[in-house]
Amino acid sequence: MTEEVKVRERYEFHYDAGHGWLRVRVDELRALGIADRISGYSYRAGEWAYLEEDCDSEVFVKACGGLEKERYLAVNDGDSSWIRDLEPYR
């Protein structure tokens, strides 16, 4: 039985002076069957994954069939994002 994945209306895209991360619920990654394809360059905090912008966020976007730019809410975390202090995604 295939689990239906509901893609949310908006996704936060956090960024700092050097990098960016797409905030996605871990259960979305599991439902899409890509949870094991996310690298240690992404981060995790509880039910949220912060997918690094260069590879892991693209894995998610492709699995969703694409996401329009209007679905991203840009969040500027300043010079160095607090996301860098989270545990790496495992």
C-alpha atoms as a PDB file:
ATOM      1  CA  MET A   1       0.000   0.000   0.000  1.00  0.00           C
ATOM      2  CA  THR A   2       1.438   3.371  -1.019  1.00  0.00           C
ATOM      3  CA  GLU A   3       1.193   6.197   1.471  1.00  0.00           C
ATOM      4  CA  GLU A   4      -0.180   9.411  -0.007  1.00  0.00           C
ATOM      5  CA  VAL A   5       2.063  12.414   0.512  1.00  0.00           C
ATOM      6  CA  LYS A   6       0.473  15.800   1.017  1.00  0.00           C
ATOM      7  CA  VAL A   7       2.843  18.521  -0.116  1.00  0.00           C
ATOM      8  CA  ARG A   8       2.473  21.586   2.077  1.00  0.00           C
ATOM      9  CA  GLU A   9       1.609  25.012   0.689  1.00  0.00           C
ATOM     10  CA  ARG A  10       4.756  26.709   2.015  1.00  0.00           C
ATOM     11  CA  TYR A  11       8.261  25.608   2.889  1.00  0.00           C
ATOM     12  CA  GLU A  12      10.709  27.739   4.848  1.00  0.00           C
ATOM     13  CA  PHE A  13      14.060  28.240   3.166  1.00  0.00           C
ATOM     14  CA  HIS A  14      16.561  29.336   5.808  1.00  0.00           C
ATOM     15  CA  TYR A  15      19.824  30.929   4.732  1.00  0.00           C
ATOM     16  CA  ASP A  16      22.836  32.713   6.123  1.00  0.00           C
ATOM     17  CA  ALA A  17      25.854  34.395   4.570  1.00  0.00           C
ATOM     18  CA  GLY A  18      27.236  31.095   3.261  1.00  0.00           C
ATOM     19  CA  HIS A  19      24.532  28.484   2.768  1.00  0.00           C
ATOM     20  CA  GLY A  20      20.843  27.591   2.810  1.00  0.00           C
ATOM     21  CA  TRP A  21      18.507  24.838   4.037  1.00  0.00           C
ATOM     22  CA  LEU A  22      14.971  23.812   3.185  1.00  0.00           C
ATOM     23  CA  ARG A  23      12.859  22.973   6.272  1.00  0.00           C
ATOM     24  CA  VAL A  24      10.876  19.754   5.711  1.00  0.00           C
ATOM     25  CA  ARG A  25       9.049  17.403   8.052  1.00  0.00           C
ATOM     26  CA  VAL A  26      10.852  14.080   8.481  1.00  0.00           C
ATOM     27  CA  ASP A  27       7.585  12.201   7.961  1.00  0.00           C
ATOM     28  CA  GLU A  28       7.346  13.777   4.483  1.00  0.00           C
ATOM     29  CA  LEU A  29      10.779  12.369   3.644  1.00  0.00           C
ATOM     30  CA  ARG A  30       9.691   8.929   4.867  1.00  0.00           C
ATOM     31  CA  ALA A  31       6.402   9.053   2.969  1.00  0.00           C
ATOM     32  CA  LEU A  32       8.240   9.974  -0.235  1.00  0.00           C
ATOM     33  CA  GLY A  33      10.684   7.093   0.310  1.00  0.00           C
ATOM     34  CA  ILE A  34      13.739   9.356   0.367  1.00  0.00           C
ATOM     35  CA  ALA A  35      14.579   9.537   4.092  1.00  0.00           C
ATOM     36  CA  ASP A  36      17.595   7.288   3.549  1.00  0.00           C
ATOM     37  CA  ARG A  37      18.870   9.414   0.643  1.00  0.00           C
ATOM     38  CA  ILE A  38      19.503  12.535   2.748  1.00  0.00           C
ATOM     39  CA  SER A  39      23.159  13.213   3.510  1.00  0.00           C
ATOM     40  CA  GLY A  40      24.921  14.205   6.720  1.00  0.00           C
ATOM     41  CA  TYR A  41      25.313  17.707   5.257  1.00  0.00           C
ATOM     42  CA  SER A  42      21.690  18.305   6.231  1.00  0.00           C
ATOM     43  CA  TYR A  43      20.532  18.750   9.821  1.00  0.00           C
ATOM     44  CA  ARG A  44      17.725  17.503  12.017  1.00  0.00           C
ATOM     45  CA  ALA A  45      15.830  18.829  15.016  1.00  0.00           C
ATOM     46  CA  GLY A  46      13.031  16.575  16.248  1.00  0.00           C
ATOM     47  CA  GLU A  47      10.396  16.190  13.538  1.00  0.00           C
ATOM     48  CA  TRP A  48      12.121  18.657  11.208  1.00  0.00           C
ATOM     49  CA  ALA A  49      14.914  18.144   8.699  1.00  0.00           C
ATOM     50  CA  TYR A  50      16.870  21.074   7.303  1.00  0.00           C
ATOM     51  CA  LEU A  51      17.933  19.930   3.843  1.00  0.00           C
ATOM     52  CA  GLU A  52      21.103  21.496   2.512  1.00  0.00           C
ATOM     53  CA  GLU A  53      20.473  23.499  -0.615  1.00  0.00           C
ATOM     54  CA  ASP A  54      22.926  21.952  -3.083  1.00  0.00           C
ATOM     55  CA  CYS A  55      21.887  18.282  -3.157  1.00  0.00           C
ATOM     56  CA  ASP A  56      19.457  17.152  -0.481  1.00  0.00           C
ATOM     57  CA  SER A  57      16.810  19.795  -1.127  1.00  0.00           C
ATOM     58  CA  GLU A  58      16.886  18.825  -4.811  1.00  0.00           C
ATOM     59  CA  VAL A  59      16.229  15.181  -3.891  1.00  0.00           C
ATOM     60  CA  PHE A  60      13.125  16.350  -2.037  1.00  0.00           C
ATOM     61  CA  VAL A  61      11.935  18.729  -4.758  1.00  0.00           C
ATOM     62  CA  LYS A  62      12.303  16.046  -7.441  1.00  0.00           C
ATOM     63  CA  ALA A  63      10.432  13.508  -5.305  1.00  0.00           C
ATOM     64  CA  CYS A  64       7.575  16.037  -4.994  1.00  0.00           C
ATOM     65  CA  GLY A  65       7.484  16.523  -8.749  1.00  0.00           C
ATOM     66  CA  GLY A  66       8.852  20.056  -8.412  1.00  0.00           C
ATOM     67  CA  LEU A  67       7.931  23.037  -6.273  1.00  0.00           C
ATOM     68  CA  GLU A  68       7.274  26.538  -7.569  1.00  0.00           C
ATOM     69  CA  LYS A  69       9.381  29.353  -6.097  1.00  0.00           C
ATOM     70  CA  GLU A  70       6.198  30.916  -4.692  1.00  0.00           C
ATOM     71  CA  ARG A  71       6.013  28.032  -2.230  1.00  0.00           C
ATOM     72  CA  TYR A  72       9.247  29.081  -0.503  1.00  0.00           C
ATOM     73  CA  LEU A  73       9.265  31.483   2.405  1.00  0.00           C
ATOM     74  CA  ALA A  74      12.782  32.948   2.655  1.00  0.00           C
ATOM     75  CA  VAL A  75      14.094  33.271   6.218  1.00  0.00           C
ATOM     76  CA  ASN A  76      17.359  35.191   6.665  1.00  0.00           C
ATOM     77  CA  ASP A  77      19.170  33.783   9.705  1.00  0.00           C
ATOM     78  CA  GLY A  78      21.903  36.450   9.627  1.00  0.00           C
ATOM     79  CA  ASP A  79      25.628  35.877   9.207  1.00  0.00           C
ATOM     80  CA  SER A  80      25.672  32.363  10.695  1.00  0.00           C
ATOM     81  CA  SER A  81      22.460  30.342  11.008  1.00  0.00           C
ATOM     82  CA  TRP A  82      21.490  28.538  14.194  1.00  0.00           C
ATOM     83  CA  ILE A  83      20.872  25.524  11.965  1.00  0.00           C
ATOM     84  CA  ARG A  84      24.638  24.922  11.828  1.00  0.00           C
ATOM     85  CA  ASP A  85      24.490  24.018  15.539  1.00  0.00           C
ATOM     86  CA  LEU A  86      21.935  21.221  15.060  1.00  0.00           C
ATOM     87  CA  GLU A  87      22.746  17.524  14.870  1.00  0.00           C
ATOM     88  CA  PRO A  88      23.588  16.211  11.389  1.00  0.00           C
ATOM     89  CA  TYR A  89      20.784  14.312   9.685  1.00  0.00           C
ATOM     90  CA  ARG A  90      21.048  10.535  10.235  1.00  0.00           C
END
